[in-house]
N, C-alpha and C. Protein backbone atom coordinates (compact mmCIF):
# COMPACT_ATOMS: atom_id res chain seq x y z
N MET A 1 0.84 -1.21 0.00
CA MET A 1 0.00 0.00 0.00
C MET A 1 0.87 1.26 0.00
N ARG A 2 1.92 1.19 0.83
CA ARG A 2 2.80 2.35 0.93
C ARG A 2 3.51 2.59 -0.40
N ASN A 3 3.98 1.49 -1.05
CA ASN A 3 4.65 1.64 -2.34
C ASN A 3 3.70 2.24 -3.37
N TRP A 4 2.43 1.85 -3.33
CA TRP A 4 1.44 2.37 -4.27
C TRP A 4 1.29 3.88 -4.08
N ARG A 5 1.24 4.32 -2.82
CA ARG A 5 1.13 5.76 -2.54
C ARG A 5 2.38 6.50 -3.03
N ASN A 6 3.55 5.90 -2.79
CA ASN A 6 4.79 6.53 -3.22
C ASN A 6 4.84 6.72 -4.73
N TYR A 7 4.45 5.67 -5.45
CA TYR A 7 4.47 5.76 -6.92
C TYR A 7 3.42 6.74 -7.43
N LEU A 8 2.30 6.86 -6.71
CA LEU A 8 1.29 7.84 -7.09
C LEU A 8 1.85 9.25 -6.96
N VAL A 9 2.56 9.52 -5.86
CA VAL A 9 3.19 10.83 -5.64
C VAL A 9 4.22 11.11 -6.74
N LEU A 10 5.06 10.09 -7.06
CA LEU A 10 6.07 10.24 -8.10
C LEU A 10 5.43 10.52 -9.46
N SER A 11 4.40 9.73 -9.79
CA SER A 11 3.73 9.87 -11.09
C SER A 11 3.06 11.24 -11.23
N LEU A 12 2.37 11.69 -10.16
CA LEU A 12 1.72 13.00 -10.20
C LEU A 12 2.74 14.13 -10.35
N GLY A 13 3.87 13.99 -9.65
CA GLY A 13 4.92 15.00 -9.75
C GLY A 13 5.45 15.11 -11.17
N ILE A 14 5.77 13.96 -11.78
CA ILE A 14 6.28 13.95 -13.15
C ILE A 14 5.22 14.48 -14.11
N LEU A 15 3.96 14.06 -13.91
CA LEU A 15 2.87 14.51 -14.79
C LEU A 15 2.71 16.04 -14.74
N LEU A 16 2.74 16.60 -13.52
CA LEU A 16 2.58 18.05 -13.38
C LEU A 16 3.71 18.81 -14.06
N ILE A 17 4.95 18.30 -13.93
CA ILE A 17 6.07 18.99 -14.57
C ILE A 17 5.98 18.86 -16.09
N LEU A 18 5.55 17.69 -16.58
CA LEU A 18 5.35 17.53 -18.03
C LEU A 18 4.30 18.52 -18.54
N VAL A 19 3.20 18.64 -17.78
CA VAL A 19 2.15 19.59 -18.15
C VAL A 19 2.71 21.02 -18.15
N SER A 20 3.56 21.32 -17.17
CA SER A 20 4.15 22.67 -17.10
C SER A 20 5.02 22.94 -18.31
N PHE A 21 5.75 21.93 -18.80
CA PHE A 21 6.58 22.10 -20.00
C PHE A 21 5.69 22.39 -21.21
N VAL A 22 4.58 21.67 -21.32
CA VAL A 22 3.64 21.89 -22.43
C VAL A 22 3.09 23.32 -22.36
N ILE A 23 2.68 23.74 -21.15
CA ILE A 23 2.16 25.10 -20.97
C ILE A 23 3.22 26.13 -21.36
N TYR A 24 4.46 25.88 -20.90
CA TYR A 24 5.56 26.80 -21.23
C TYR A 24 5.76 26.89 -22.74
N GLY A 25 5.79 25.71 -23.39
CA GLY A 25 5.98 25.69 -24.84
C GLY A 25 4.88 26.44 -25.57
N LEU A 26 3.64 26.24 -25.15
CA LEU A 26 2.52 26.93 -25.80
C LEU A 26 2.57 28.43 -25.56
N LEU A 27 2.94 28.83 -24.33
CA LEU A 27 3.05 30.26 -24.02
C LEU A 27 4.10 30.93 -24.89
N VAL A 28 5.27 30.30 -24.98
CA VAL A 28 6.36 30.88 -25.77
C VAL A 28 5.99 30.88 -27.25
N PHE A 29 5.38 29.77 -27.70
CA PHE A 29 4.99 29.65 -29.12
C PHE A 29 3.94 30.70 -29.49
N ARG A 30 2.98 30.89 -28.59
CA ARG A 30 1.88 31.83 -28.87
C ARG A 30 2.36 33.29 -28.88
N THR A 31 3.37 33.59 -28.06
CA THR A 31 3.79 34.99 -27.92
C THR A 31 5.07 35.30 -28.70
N ARG A 32 5.45 34.42 -29.62
CA ARG A 32 6.69 34.68 -30.36
C ARG A 32 6.52 35.89 -31.28
N ILE A 33 7.60 36.64 -31.40
CA ILE A 33 7.60 37.80 -32.28
C ILE A 33 8.30 37.39 -33.58
N PRO A 34 7.63 37.54 -34.71
CA PRO A 34 8.21 37.09 -35.99
C PRO A 34 9.55 37.75 -36.27
N ALA A 35 10.47 36.97 -36.87
CA ALA A 35 11.77 37.52 -37.25
C ALA A 35 11.57 38.61 -38.30
N GLY A 36 12.39 39.65 -38.21
CA GLY A 36 12.31 40.73 -39.19
C GLY A 36 11.29 41.79 -38.86
N SER A 37 10.70 41.70 -37.65
CA SER A 37 9.73 42.72 -37.25
C SER A 37 10.43 44.06 -37.02
N THR A 38 9.74 45.12 -37.36
CA THR A 38 10.30 46.46 -37.14
C THR A 38 10.20 46.79 -35.65
N PRO A 39 11.00 47.78 -35.19
CA PRO A 39 10.93 48.17 -33.77
C PRO A 39 9.50 48.55 -33.34
N GLN A 40 8.75 49.21 -34.22
CA GLN A 40 7.38 49.57 -33.88
C GLN A 40 6.49 48.33 -33.72
N GLN A 41 6.68 47.35 -34.62
CA GLN A 41 5.91 46.10 -34.52
C GLN A 41 6.28 45.34 -33.26
N ILE A 42 7.57 45.31 -32.95
CA ILE A 42 8.03 44.61 -31.74
C ILE A 42 7.39 45.24 -30.50
N GLU A 43 7.39 46.58 -30.45
CA GLU A 43 6.80 47.28 -29.30
C GLU A 43 5.30 47.00 -29.20
N GLN A 44 4.63 46.99 -30.36
CA GLN A 44 3.19 46.74 -30.38
C GLN A 44 2.88 45.31 -29.93
N LEU A 45 3.63 44.32 -30.46
CA LEU A 45 3.41 42.92 -30.10
C LEU A 45 3.75 42.66 -28.63
N THR A 46 4.78 43.35 -28.14
CA THR A 46 5.16 43.21 -26.73
C THR A 46 4.00 43.62 -25.82
N GLN A 47 3.30 44.71 -26.20
CA GLN A 47 2.16 45.16 -25.40
C GLN A 47 0.96 44.22 -25.56
N ILE A 48 0.73 43.75 -26.80
CA ILE A 48 -0.40 42.85 -27.04
C ILE A 48 -0.23 41.54 -26.28
N TYR A 49 0.99 40.97 -26.35
CA TYR A 49 1.24 39.68 -25.70
C TYR A 49 1.53 39.80 -24.20
N GLY A 50 1.70 41.04 -23.73
CA GLY A 50 1.98 41.24 -22.31
C GLY A 50 3.39 40.87 -21.92
N LEU A 51 4.32 40.96 -22.89
CA LEU A 51 5.71 40.58 -22.61
C LEU A 51 6.43 41.60 -21.75
N ASP A 52 5.80 42.75 -21.52
CA ASP A 52 6.39 43.76 -20.65
C ASP A 52 5.95 43.58 -19.19
N ARG A 53 5.10 42.58 -18.95
CA ARG A 53 4.67 42.31 -17.57
C ARG A 53 5.76 41.54 -16.82
N PRO A 54 5.72 41.52 -15.48
CA PRO A 54 6.71 40.74 -14.72
C PRO A 54 6.67 39.26 -15.14
N VAL A 55 7.83 38.62 -15.10
CA VAL A 55 7.94 37.21 -15.52
C VAL A 55 6.99 36.32 -14.74
N ILE A 56 6.83 36.58 -13.45
CA ILE A 56 5.97 35.74 -12.61
C ILE A 56 4.51 35.83 -13.05
N VAL A 57 4.12 36.95 -13.65
CA VAL A 57 2.76 37.12 -14.17
C VAL A 57 2.64 36.44 -15.54
N GLN A 58 3.66 36.62 -16.38
CA GLN A 58 3.62 36.01 -17.72
C GLN A 58 3.54 34.49 -17.64
N TYR A 59 4.29 33.93 -16.71
CA TYR A 59 4.39 32.46 -16.66
C TYR A 59 3.73 31.89 -15.41
N GLN A 60 2.64 32.51 -14.95
CA GLN A 60 2.00 32.06 -13.72
C GLN A 60 1.44 30.64 -13.84
N TRP A 61 0.89 30.28 -15.01
CA TRP A 61 0.33 28.93 -15.17
C TRP A 61 1.43 27.88 -15.25
N PHE A 62 2.57 28.27 -15.83
CA PHE A 62 3.73 27.36 -15.84
C PHE A 62 4.19 27.11 -14.41
N LEU A 63 4.35 28.18 -13.63
CA LEU A 63 4.79 28.04 -12.24
C LEU A 63 3.76 27.30 -11.40
N PHE A 64 2.47 27.50 -11.71
CA PHE A 64 1.39 26.85 -10.96
C PHE A 64 1.44 25.33 -11.08
N THR A 65 1.99 24.82 -12.18
CA THR A 65 2.12 23.36 -12.34
C THR A 65 3.55 22.88 -12.06
N PHE A 66 4.56 23.68 -12.41
CA PHE A 66 5.95 23.26 -12.24
C PHE A 66 6.34 23.13 -10.77
N LEU A 67 6.02 24.16 -9.98
CA LEU A 67 6.44 24.15 -8.57
C LEU A 67 5.76 23.04 -7.75
N PRO A 68 4.43 22.82 -7.88
CA PRO A 68 3.83 21.68 -7.17
C PRO A 68 4.40 20.34 -7.64
N GLY A 69 4.70 20.23 -8.95
CA GLY A 69 5.29 18.99 -9.46
C GLY A 69 6.64 18.74 -8.83
N LEU A 70 7.47 19.77 -8.77
CA LEU A 70 8.79 19.65 -8.15
C LEU A 70 8.65 19.32 -6.66
N THR A 71 7.64 19.91 -6.01
CA THR A 71 7.40 19.63 -4.59
C THR A 71 7.02 18.16 -4.37
N LEU A 72 6.15 17.63 -5.24
CA LEU A 72 5.75 16.22 -5.13
C LEU A 72 6.94 15.29 -5.33
N LEU A 73 7.83 15.64 -6.27
CA LEU A 73 9.03 14.82 -6.46
C LEU A 73 9.91 14.86 -5.21
N GLY A 74 9.99 16.04 -4.60
CA GLY A 74 10.75 16.15 -3.35
C GLY A 74 10.13 15.32 -2.23
N ILE A 75 8.79 15.31 -2.17
CA ILE A 75 8.09 14.50 -1.16
C ILE A 75 8.37 13.02 -1.39
N TYR A 76 8.34 12.60 -2.66
CA TYR A 76 8.63 11.19 -2.97
C TYR A 76 10.03 10.81 -2.48
N GLY A 77 11.00 11.72 -2.71
CA GLY A 77 12.35 11.44 -2.26
C GLY A 77 12.47 11.40 -0.75
N THR A 78 11.56 12.08 -0.05
CA THR A 78 11.62 12.14 1.41
C THR A 78 10.91 10.97 2.08
N ILE A 79 9.76 10.54 1.50
CA ILE A 79 8.95 9.53 2.19
C ILE A 79 9.19 8.11 1.68
N GLY A 80 10.18 7.94 0.78
CA GLY A 80 10.40 6.63 0.18
C GLY A 80 11.06 5.63 1.11
N LEU A 81 11.66 4.62 0.50
CA LEU A 81 12.18 3.46 1.27
C LEU A 81 13.46 3.74 2.04
N HIS A 82 14.16 4.67 2.09
CA HIS A 82 15.40 4.97 2.79
C HIS A 82 16.09 3.75 3.42
N ARG A 83 16.70 2.94 2.65
CA ARG A 83 17.44 1.78 3.18
C ARG A 83 18.82 2.27 3.63
N GLN A 84 19.15 1.99 4.87
CA GLN A 84 20.40 2.53 5.43
C GLN A 84 21.55 1.53 5.36
N GLY A 85 21.28 0.24 5.07
CA GLY A 85 22.33 -0.76 5.15
C GLY A 85 23.14 -0.93 3.89
N PHE A 86 23.00 -0.05 2.92
CA PHE A 86 23.71 -0.20 1.66
C PHE A 86 25.19 0.09 1.84
N GLN A 87 25.99 -0.65 1.07
CA GLN A 87 27.41 -0.34 1.01
C GLN A 87 27.58 0.99 0.27
N HIS A 88 28.43 1.86 0.79
CA HIS A 88 28.71 3.18 0.17
C HIS A 88 27.45 4.04 0.08
N TRP A 89 26.43 3.82 0.92
CA TRP A 89 25.17 4.54 0.73
C TRP A 89 25.31 6.05 0.91
N PHE A 90 26.21 6.47 1.82
CA PHE A 90 26.40 7.91 2.01
C PHE A 90 26.96 8.55 0.74
N LEU A 91 27.99 7.91 0.16
CA LEU A 91 28.57 8.42 -1.09
C LEU A 91 27.54 8.42 -2.21
N ILE A 92 26.74 7.36 -2.27
CA ILE A 92 25.70 7.27 -3.30
C ILE A 92 24.75 8.45 -3.19
N LYS A 93 24.34 8.77 -1.95
CA LYS A 93 23.42 9.90 -1.74
C LYS A 93 24.05 11.22 -2.17
N VAL A 94 25.33 11.40 -1.88
CA VAL A 94 26.03 12.63 -2.28
C VAL A 94 25.99 12.77 -3.80
N PHE A 95 26.31 11.68 -4.51
CA PHE A 95 26.33 11.75 -5.97
C PHE A 95 24.92 11.90 -6.55
N ILE A 96 23.94 11.28 -5.91
CA ILE A 96 22.56 11.45 -6.38
C ILE A 96 22.13 12.91 -6.24
N ILE A 97 22.46 13.53 -5.10
CA ILE A 97 22.11 14.95 -4.89
C ILE A 97 22.80 15.82 -5.95
N LEU A 98 24.08 15.54 -6.24
CA LEU A 98 24.79 16.29 -7.29
C LEU A 98 24.08 16.15 -8.63
N MET A 99 23.66 14.93 -8.95
CA MET A 99 23.01 14.69 -10.23
C MET A 99 21.60 15.31 -10.27
N LEU A 100 20.91 15.31 -9.13
CA LEU A 100 19.60 15.98 -9.07
C LEU A 100 19.75 17.47 -9.35
N ILE A 101 20.76 18.08 -8.75
CA ILE A 101 21.02 19.51 -8.98
C ILE A 101 21.36 19.74 -10.46
N THR A 102 22.22 18.87 -11.02
CA THR A 102 22.62 18.99 -12.43
C THR A 102 21.41 18.91 -13.35
N ASN A 103 20.52 17.94 -13.09
CA ASN A 103 19.35 17.77 -13.95
C ASN A 103 18.36 18.91 -13.81
N THR A 104 18.25 19.48 -12.59
CA THR A 104 17.37 20.63 -12.40
C THR A 104 17.89 21.84 -13.18
N VAL A 105 19.21 22.07 -13.08
CA VAL A 105 19.83 23.18 -13.83
C VAL A 105 19.65 22.95 -15.33
N THR A 106 19.83 21.69 -15.77
CA THR A 106 19.67 21.37 -17.19
C THR A 106 18.25 21.69 -17.66
N MET A 107 17.25 21.27 -16.86
CA MET A 107 15.85 21.54 -17.23
C MET A 107 15.60 23.03 -17.38
N LEU A 108 15.99 23.80 -16.37
CA LEU A 108 15.73 25.24 -16.40
C LEU A 108 16.51 25.93 -17.52
N ASN A 109 17.77 25.50 -17.73
CA ASN A 109 18.58 26.08 -18.79
C ASN A 109 17.98 25.80 -20.16
N LEU A 110 17.43 24.59 -20.35
CA LEU A 110 16.84 24.24 -21.64
C LEU A 110 15.54 24.99 -21.88
N LEU A 111 14.81 25.31 -20.82
CA LEU A 111 13.61 26.13 -20.99
C LEU A 111 13.98 27.53 -21.47
N VAL A 112 15.08 28.07 -20.91
CA VAL A 112 15.56 29.38 -21.36
C VAL A 112 16.05 29.29 -22.80
N THR A 113 16.77 28.19 -23.12
CA THR A 113 17.26 27.98 -24.49
C THR A 113 16.10 27.90 -25.47
N ALA A 114 15.04 27.18 -25.07
CA ALA A 114 13.85 27.06 -25.93
C ALA A 114 13.27 28.44 -26.21
N HIS A 115 13.23 29.27 -25.18
CA HIS A 115 12.66 30.61 -25.33
C HIS A 115 13.46 31.44 -26.32
N THR A 116 14.80 31.40 -26.20
CA THR A 116 15.63 32.23 -27.09
C THR A 116 15.68 31.66 -28.51
N SER A 117 15.61 30.32 -28.65
CA SER A 117 15.70 29.72 -29.98
C SER A 117 14.40 29.88 -30.77
N MET A 118 13.32 30.26 -30.09
CA MET A 118 12.04 30.45 -30.78
C MET A 118 12.17 31.49 -31.89
N GLN A 119 13.01 32.49 -31.68
CA GLN A 119 13.16 33.54 -32.68
C GLN A 119 13.97 33.06 -33.89
N GLU A 120 14.72 31.96 -33.71
CA GLU A 120 15.61 31.50 -34.78
C GLU A 120 14.98 30.37 -35.60
N ALA A 121 14.57 29.28 -34.93
CA ALA A 121 14.03 28.14 -35.68
C ALA A 121 13.14 27.31 -34.77
N LEU A 122 11.98 26.92 -35.30
CA LEU A 122 11.05 26.10 -34.52
C LEU A 122 11.63 24.74 -34.14
N PRO A 123 12.37 24.04 -35.04
CA PRO A 123 12.92 22.74 -34.64
C PRO A 123 13.83 22.85 -33.41
N ALA A 124 14.65 23.91 -33.33
CA ALA A 124 15.53 24.10 -32.18
C ALA A 124 14.72 24.31 -30.90
N PHE A 125 13.59 25.01 -31.03
CA PHE A 125 12.70 25.24 -29.89
C PHE A 125 12.16 23.92 -29.34
N TRP A 126 11.59 23.09 -30.24
CA TRP A 126 11.00 21.82 -29.79
C TRP A 126 12.07 20.85 -29.32
N LEU A 127 13.26 20.89 -29.94
CA LEU A 127 14.36 20.02 -29.51
C LEU A 127 14.77 20.36 -28.08
N ALA A 128 14.87 21.66 -27.77
CA ALA A 128 15.24 22.08 -26.42
C ALA A 128 14.21 21.60 -25.41
N LEU A 129 12.92 21.69 -25.76
CA LEU A 129 11.87 21.20 -24.86
C LEU A 129 11.95 19.68 -24.69
N ALA A 130 12.25 18.96 -25.78
CA ALA A 130 12.35 17.49 -25.71
C ALA A 130 13.51 17.07 -24.80
N VAL A 131 14.65 17.77 -24.89
CA VAL A 131 15.79 17.44 -24.04
C VAL A 131 15.48 17.78 -22.58
N ALA A 132 14.70 18.85 -22.36
CA ALA A 132 14.27 19.18 -20.99
C ALA A 132 13.42 18.04 -20.41
N VAL A 133 12.59 17.41 -21.26
CA VAL A 133 11.79 16.27 -20.80
C VAL A 133 12.69 15.09 -20.45
N LEU A 134 13.77 14.87 -21.23
CA LEU A 134 14.74 13.82 -20.90
C LEU A 134 15.38 14.07 -19.53
N ALA A 135 15.74 15.34 -19.27
CA ALA A 135 16.33 15.69 -17.98
C ALA A 135 15.34 15.44 -16.85
N LEU A 136 14.05 15.71 -17.12
CA LEU A 136 13.01 15.45 -16.11
C LEU A 136 12.90 13.95 -15.84
N ALA A 137 12.93 13.13 -16.91
CA ALA A 137 12.86 11.68 -16.73
C ALA A 137 14.04 11.19 -15.90
N ASN A 138 15.22 11.75 -16.17
CA ASN A 138 16.40 11.37 -15.40
C ASN A 138 16.25 11.75 -13.93
N PHE A 139 15.66 12.89 -13.68
CA PHE A 139 15.37 13.35 -12.31
C PHE A 139 14.51 12.31 -11.60
N GLY A 140 13.46 11.84 -12.30
CA GLY A 140 12.57 10.83 -11.72
C GLY A 140 13.29 9.53 -11.43
N PHE A 141 14.14 9.07 -12.36
CA PHE A 141 14.88 7.82 -12.15
C PHE A 141 15.86 7.94 -10.99
N LEU A 142 16.45 9.13 -10.82
CA LEU A 142 17.35 9.35 -9.68
C LEU A 142 16.60 9.20 -8.36
N LEU A 143 15.36 9.70 -8.31
CA LEU A 143 14.57 9.56 -7.08
C LEU A 143 14.21 8.10 -6.82
N VAL A 144 13.95 7.35 -7.89
CA VAL A 144 13.67 5.92 -7.75
C VAL A 144 14.90 5.21 -7.18
N ILE A 145 16.10 5.57 -7.69
CA ILE A 145 17.34 4.98 -7.17
C ILE A 145 17.54 5.37 -5.71
N TRP A 146 17.26 6.64 -5.39
CA TRP A 146 17.40 7.13 -4.01
C TRP A 146 16.63 6.24 -3.04
N ASN A 147 15.50 5.72 -3.49
CA ASN A 147 14.68 4.87 -2.63
C ASN A 147 15.04 3.39 -2.73
N GLY A 148 16.22 3.11 -3.27
CA GLY A 148 16.77 1.76 -3.23
C GLY A 148 16.20 0.79 -4.24
N LEU A 149 15.68 1.29 -5.37
CA LEU A 149 15.06 0.41 -6.36
C LEU A 149 15.97 0.24 -7.57
N LYS A 150 16.24 -1.02 -7.93
CA LYS A 150 17.16 -1.30 -9.04
C LYS A 150 16.65 -0.79 -10.38
N LYS A 151 15.32 -0.79 -10.53
CA LYS A 151 14.75 -0.53 -11.86
C LYS A 151 15.11 0.84 -12.43
N GLY A 152 15.56 1.76 -11.58
CA GLY A 152 15.91 3.08 -12.09
C GLY A 152 17.34 3.21 -12.58
N VAL A 153 18.20 2.23 -12.25
CA VAL A 153 19.64 2.40 -12.48
C VAL A 153 19.99 2.44 -13.97
N TRP A 154 19.55 1.43 -14.71
CA TRP A 154 19.95 1.36 -16.12
C TRP A 154 19.28 2.46 -16.94
N ALA A 155 18.03 2.75 -16.61
CA ALA A 155 17.34 3.84 -17.32
C ALA A 155 18.08 5.16 -17.08
N PHE A 156 18.52 5.37 -15.83
CA PHE A 156 19.28 6.58 -15.51
C PHE A 156 20.58 6.64 -16.29
N GLY A 157 21.30 5.50 -16.34
CA GLY A 157 22.58 5.46 -17.05
C GLY A 157 22.42 5.77 -18.53
N ILE A 158 21.43 5.15 -19.18
CA ILE A 158 21.21 5.36 -20.61
C ILE A 158 20.82 6.81 -20.89
N LEU A 159 19.87 7.34 -20.10
CA LEU A 159 19.43 8.72 -20.31
C LEU A 159 20.56 9.72 -20.05
N SER A 160 21.40 9.43 -19.05
CA SER A 160 22.51 10.33 -18.74
C SER A 160 23.48 10.43 -19.90
N PHE A 161 23.82 9.29 -20.50
CA PHE A 161 24.74 9.32 -21.63
C PHE A 161 24.09 9.99 -22.84
N MET A 162 22.78 9.81 -23.01
CA MET A 162 22.07 10.51 -24.10
C MET A 162 22.14 12.02 -23.88
N LEU A 163 21.88 12.45 -22.64
CA LEU A 163 21.91 13.88 -22.32
C LEU A 163 23.30 14.47 -22.53
N CYS A 164 24.33 13.73 -22.08
CA CYS A 164 25.70 14.22 -22.25
C CYS A 164 26.04 14.35 -23.74
N THR A 165 25.60 13.38 -24.54
CA THR A 165 25.85 13.43 -25.98
C THR A 165 25.16 14.65 -26.61
N LEU A 166 23.89 14.87 -26.23
CA LEU A 166 23.15 16.01 -26.77
C LEU A 166 23.77 17.33 -26.34
N LYS A 167 24.26 17.38 -25.09
CA LYS A 167 24.93 18.61 -24.62
C LYS A 167 26.22 18.84 -25.39
N PHE A 168 26.95 17.74 -25.67
CA PHE A 168 28.20 17.86 -26.43
C PHE A 168 27.92 18.39 -27.83
N VAL A 169 26.88 17.85 -28.47
CA VAL A 169 26.47 18.31 -29.80
C VAL A 169 26.03 19.77 -29.74
N GLY A 170 25.38 20.14 -28.62
CA GLY A 170 24.93 21.52 -28.44
C GLY A 170 26.02 22.47 -27.97
N GLN A 171 27.28 21.98 -27.97
CA GLN A 171 28.47 22.79 -27.67
C GLN A 171 28.49 23.32 -26.24
N VAL A 172 28.07 22.47 -25.30
CA VAL A 172 28.25 22.80 -23.88
C VAL A 172 29.75 22.70 -23.58
N PRO A 173 30.32 23.60 -22.75
CA PRO A 173 31.75 23.54 -22.43
C PRO A 173 32.16 22.14 -21.95
N ILE A 174 33.34 21.70 -22.39
CA ILE A 174 33.76 20.31 -22.21
C ILE A 174 34.02 19.95 -20.74
N LEU A 175 34.57 20.89 -19.94
CA LEU A 175 34.92 20.56 -18.55
C LEU A 175 33.69 20.23 -17.70
N PRO A 176 32.63 21.06 -17.69
CA PRO A 176 31.43 20.66 -16.94
C PRO A 176 30.83 19.35 -17.44
N LEU A 177 30.94 19.12 -18.74
CA LEU A 177 30.40 17.89 -19.33
C LEU A 177 31.18 16.67 -18.85
N LEU A 178 32.52 16.80 -18.80
CA LEU A 178 33.35 15.69 -18.30
C LEU A 178 33.09 15.43 -16.83
N PHE A 179 32.90 16.52 -16.06
CA PHE A 179 32.58 16.37 -14.63
C PHE A 179 31.27 15.60 -14.46
N GLU A 180 30.25 15.98 -15.24
CA GLU A 180 28.96 15.31 -15.14
C GLU A 180 29.06 13.84 -15.54
N LEU A 181 29.78 13.57 -16.64
CA LEU A 181 29.94 12.20 -17.11
C LEU A 181 30.69 11.35 -16.09
N SER A 182 31.72 11.92 -15.47
CA SER A 182 32.47 11.21 -14.42
C SER A 182 31.58 10.88 -13.24
N ALA A 183 30.74 11.86 -12.84
CA ALA A 183 29.82 11.64 -11.71
C ALA A 183 28.83 10.52 -12.02
N VAL A 184 28.35 10.46 -13.27
CA VAL A 184 27.42 9.40 -13.67
C VAL A 184 28.10 8.03 -13.57
N ILE A 185 29.33 7.93 -14.08
CA ILE A 185 30.06 6.65 -14.07
C ILE A 185 30.35 6.21 -12.64
N ILE A 186 30.79 7.15 -11.79
CA ILE A 186 31.08 6.80 -10.39
C ILE A 186 29.81 6.35 -9.68
N LEU A 187 28.69 7.07 -9.91
CA LEU A 187 27.43 6.71 -9.26
C LEU A 187 26.99 5.31 -9.68
N ILE A 188 27.07 4.99 -10.97
CA ILE A 188 26.67 3.66 -11.43
C ILE A 188 27.59 2.59 -10.83
N TYR A 189 28.88 2.88 -10.73
CA TYR A 189 29.81 1.93 -10.11
C TYR A 189 29.44 1.68 -8.65
N LEU A 190 29.16 2.76 -7.90
CA LEU A 190 28.78 2.61 -6.50
C LEU A 190 27.47 1.84 -6.35
N LEU A 191 26.53 2.11 -7.25
CA LEU A 191 25.25 1.40 -7.20
C LEU A 191 25.43 -0.09 -7.49
N ARG A 192 26.32 -0.41 -8.43
CA ARG A 192 26.57 -1.81 -8.74
C ARG A 192 27.16 -2.54 -7.54
N SER A 193 27.97 -1.84 -6.76
CA SER A 193 28.57 -2.47 -5.57
C SER A 193 27.52 -2.72 -4.49
N SER A 194 26.38 -1.97 -4.57
CA SER A 194 25.30 -2.14 -3.59
C SER A 194 24.13 -2.94 -4.18
N TRP A 195 24.33 -3.54 -5.34
CA TRP A 195 23.26 -4.21 -6.07
C TRP A 195 22.50 -5.25 -5.23
N PRO A 196 23.20 -6.12 -4.45
CA PRO A 196 22.48 -7.15 -3.68
C PRO A 196 21.48 -6.56 -2.66
N GLU A 197 21.78 -5.37 -2.12
CA GLU A 197 20.89 -4.79 -1.11
C GLU A 197 19.72 -4.04 -1.70
N MET A 198 19.77 -3.77 -3.01
CA MET A 198 18.66 -3.03 -3.65
C MET A 198 17.52 -3.97 -3.98
N VAL A 199 16.31 -3.38 -4.12
CA VAL A 199 15.13 -4.22 -4.39
C VAL A 199 14.64 -4.00 -5.81
């Protein structure tokens, strides 16, 4: 029963954040200013779309779904199985927290990238949103691993290498990318050493 509740919290959290990404994409898509607009047209469209309003007002529906979703994911990480007898469990938790922070920064950075790329090309806009969804999925798998479940490990590893590859193609600086890749490899190694204790 408890596991069912935990997975419900995890699923609702992921669903809310996915919905927030869709809302964000539609907001940015709807309020895009066409390339080649004159300064007068830009000023007029800015007033029509309300782009001169505070960011918190412009994106209130995005925040209304994103923040509760992130909160539910945090609750899942707090109320889950917390197995304390794992080998290297303290180190594992440190690396999981590092990767959670990395994936959160990736998600937010890609939302900003999607916003700026809207003026250049629609494919780049949707690609940035798709990669943000991959980062969200990785965030979810990390929380599953945090609660001692094996099923999240390989999915996390595959998605992490996909994300690193996409970041490399997107010309992310090499040093942060190598740091992230090293953290992923070390985390998977530590998890493999604790494999018998995981469920």
